[in-house]
């Protein structure tokens, strides 16, 4: 029964973002190229959209830990500090 309940839940698209290394820089967003290479861009509208937060989090966790990347629901903006 749990599997059928989980299958019925709608997926929420998400992107991967990372915190800037320097305070004067902005967040950047993951773009996976056609060849599978990771590129960081400034525009979240052109970032790779993952089908769910789970997939975005999985992609973020596969990156080196010093990047401090995480999943972000599509259509939301990170908090400005």
C-alpha atoms as a PDB file:
ATOM      1  CA  UNK A   1       0.000   0.000   0.000  1.00  0.00           C
ATOM      2  CA  UNK A   2       2.860   2.393   0.739  1.00  0.00           C
ATOM      3  CA  UNK A   3       4.299   1.925  -2.756  1.00  0.00           C
ATOM      4  CA  UNK A   4       0.984   2.845  -4.378  1.00  0.00           C
ATOM      5  CA  UNK A   5       0.689   5.932  -2.151  1.00  0.00           C
ATOM      6  CA  UNK A   6       4.195   7.077  -3.106  1.00  0.00           C
ATOM      7  CA  UNK A   7       3.556   6.471  -6.786  1.00  0.00           C
ATOM      8  CA  UNK A   8       0.463   8.693  -6.646  1.00  0.00           C
ATOM      9  CA  UNK A   9       2.374  11.689  -5.278  1.00  0.00           C
ATOM     10  CA  UNK A  10       3.162  14.318  -7.918  1.00  0.00           C
ATOM     11  CA  UNK A  11       6.811  15.005  -8.667  1.00  0.00           C
ATOM     12  CA  UNK A  12       8.061  18.518  -7.988  1.00  0.00           C
ATOM     13  CA  UNK A  13      10.740  19.644 -10.457  1.00  0.00           C
ATOM     14  CA  UNK A  14      13.922  21.013  -8.929  1.00  0.00           C
ATOM     15  CA  UNK A  15      17.342  22.390  -9.801  1.00  0.00           C
ATOM     16  CA  UNK A  16      20.744  22.149  -8.109  1.00  0.00           C
ATOM     17  CA  UNK A  17      22.349  25.270  -6.678  1.00  0.00           C
ATOM     18  CA  UNK A  18      25.456  26.019  -4.671  1.00  0.00           C
ATOM     19  CA  UNK A  19      26.492  28.741  -2.293  1.00  0.00           C
ATOM     20  CA  UNK A  20      29.084  31.252  -3.495  1.00  0.00           C
ATOM     21  CA  UNK A  21      32.636  30.767  -2.264  1.00  0.00           C
ATOM     22  CA  UNK A  22      33.114  34.510  -1.868  1.00  0.00           C
ATOM     23  CA  UNK A  23      30.596  36.947  -0.324  1.00  0.00           C
ATOM     24  CA  UNK A  24      30.586  39.264  -3.345  1.00  0.00           C
ATOM     25  CA  UNK A  25      29.475  36.479  -5.704  1.00  0.00           C
ATOM     26  CA  UNK A  26      25.979  35.116  -6.290  1.00  0.00           C
ATOM     27  CA  UNK A  27      24.569  31.616  -6.193  1.00  0.00           C
ATOM     28  CA  UNK A  28      25.194  29.457  -9.234  1.00  0.00           C
ATOM     29  CA  UNK A  29      23.085  26.720 -10.756  1.00  0.00           C
ATOM     30  CA  UNK A  30      23.983  23.373 -12.292  1.00  0.00           C
ATOM     31  CA  UNK A  31      23.700  22.873 -16.028  1.00  0.00           C
ATOM     32  CA  UNK A  32      24.369  19.332 -17.227  1.00  0.00           C
ATOM     33  CA  UNK A  33      25.541  19.492 -20.848  1.00  0.00           C
ATOM     34  CA  UNK A  34      24.535  17.027 -23.565  1.00  0.00           C
ATOM     35  CA  UNK A  35      27.849  15.213 -23.016  1.00  0.00           C
ATOM     36  CA  UNK A  36      27.161  14.901 -19.286  1.00  0.00           C
ATOM     37  CA  UNK A  37      29.603  17.563 -18.115  1.00  0.00           C
ATOM     38  CA  UNK A  38      28.648  19.805 -15.201  1.00  0.00           C
ATOM     39  CA  UNK A  39      28.769  23.560 -15.740  1.00  0.00           C
ATOM     40  CA  UNK A  40      27.793  26.268 -13.251  1.00  0.00           C
ATOM     41  CA  UNK A  41      25.737  29.174 -14.581  1.00  0.00           C
ATOM     42  CA  UNK A  42      24.206  32.325 -13.049  1.00  0.00           C
ATOM     43  CA  UNK A  43      20.685  31.984 -14.479  1.00  0.00           C
ATOM     44  CA  UNK A  44      18.328  29.495 -12.759  1.00  0.00           C
ATOM     45  CA  UNK A  45      15.998  29.624 -15.780  1.00  0.00           C
ATOM     46  CA  UNK A  46      18.622  27.829 -17.908  1.00  0.00           C
ATOM     47  CA  UNK A  47      19.737  25.319 -15.258  1.00  0.00           C
ATOM     48  CA  UNK A  48      19.047  21.629 -15.705  1.00  0.00           C
ATOM     49  CA  UNK A  49      15.616  20.798 -14.310  1.00  0.00           C
ATOM     50  CA  UNK A  50      15.475  17.475 -12.492  1.00  0.00           C
ATOM     51  CA  UNK A  51      12.110  15.671 -12.345  1.00  0.00           C
ATOM     52  CA  UNK A  52      11.954  15.754  -8.541  1.00  0.00           C
ATOM     53  CA  UNK A  53      13.651  17.115  -5.425  1.00  0.00           C
ATOM     54  CA  UNK A  54      14.914  13.591  -4.801  1.00  0.00           C
ATOM     55  CA  UNK A  55      16.771  13.526  -8.127  1.00  0.00           C
ATOM     56  CA  UNK A  56      18.150  17.047  -7.593  1.00  0.00           C
ATOM     57  CA  UNK A  57      19.382  16.113  -4.113  1.00  0.00           C
ATOM     58  CA  UNK A  58      20.946  12.942  -5.496  1.00  0.00           C
ATOM     59  CA  UNK A  59      22.787  14.964  -8.166  1.00  0.00           C
ATOM     60  CA  UNK A  60      23.965  17.472  -5.515  1.00  0.00           C
ATOM     61  CA  UNK A  61      25.257  14.696  -3.264  1.00  0.00           C
ATOM     62  CA  UNK A  62      27.331  13.268  -6.117  1.00  0.00           C
ATOM     63  CA  UNK A  63      29.275  16.529  -6.423  1.00  0.00           C
ATOM     64  CA  UNK A  64      32.439  17.229  -4.375  1.00  0.00           C
ATOM     65  CA  UNK A  65      31.540  18.258  -0.827  1.00  0.00           C
ATOM     66  CA  UNK A  66      33.456  21.550  -0.976  1.00  0.00           C
ATOM     67  CA  UNK A  67      30.846  22.861  -3.457  1.00  0.00           C
ATOM     68  CA  UNK A  68      28.075  22.720  -0.815  1.00  0.00           C
ATOM     69  CA  UNK A  69      25.414  22.084  -3.446  1.00  0.00           C
ATOM     70  CA  UNK A  70      21.786  21.307  -2.690  1.00  0.00           C
ATOM     71  CA  UNK A  71      18.441  20.838  -4.422  1.00  0.00           C
ATOM     72  CA  UNK A  72      16.098  23.793  -4.802  1.00  0.00           C
ATOM     73  CA  UNK A  73      12.451  23.522  -5.916  1.00  0.00           C
ATOM     74  CA  UNK A  74      12.003  24.951  -9.383  1.00  0.00           C
ATOM     75  CA  UNK A  75      10.457  28.400  -9.364  1.00  0.00           C
ATOM     76  CA  UNK A  76      11.783  29.459  -5.965  1.00  0.00           C
ATOM     77  CA  UNK A  77      14.614  31.850  -5.263  1.00  0.00           C
ATOM     78  CA  UNK A  78      17.240  31.405  -2.544  1.00  0.00           C
ATOM     79  CA  UNK A  79      17.094  33.861   0.328  1.00  0.00           C
ATOM     80  CA  UNK A  80      19.217  36.937  -0.165  1.00  0.00           C
ATOM     81  CA  UNK A  81      21.572  37.643   2.725  1.00  0.00           C
END
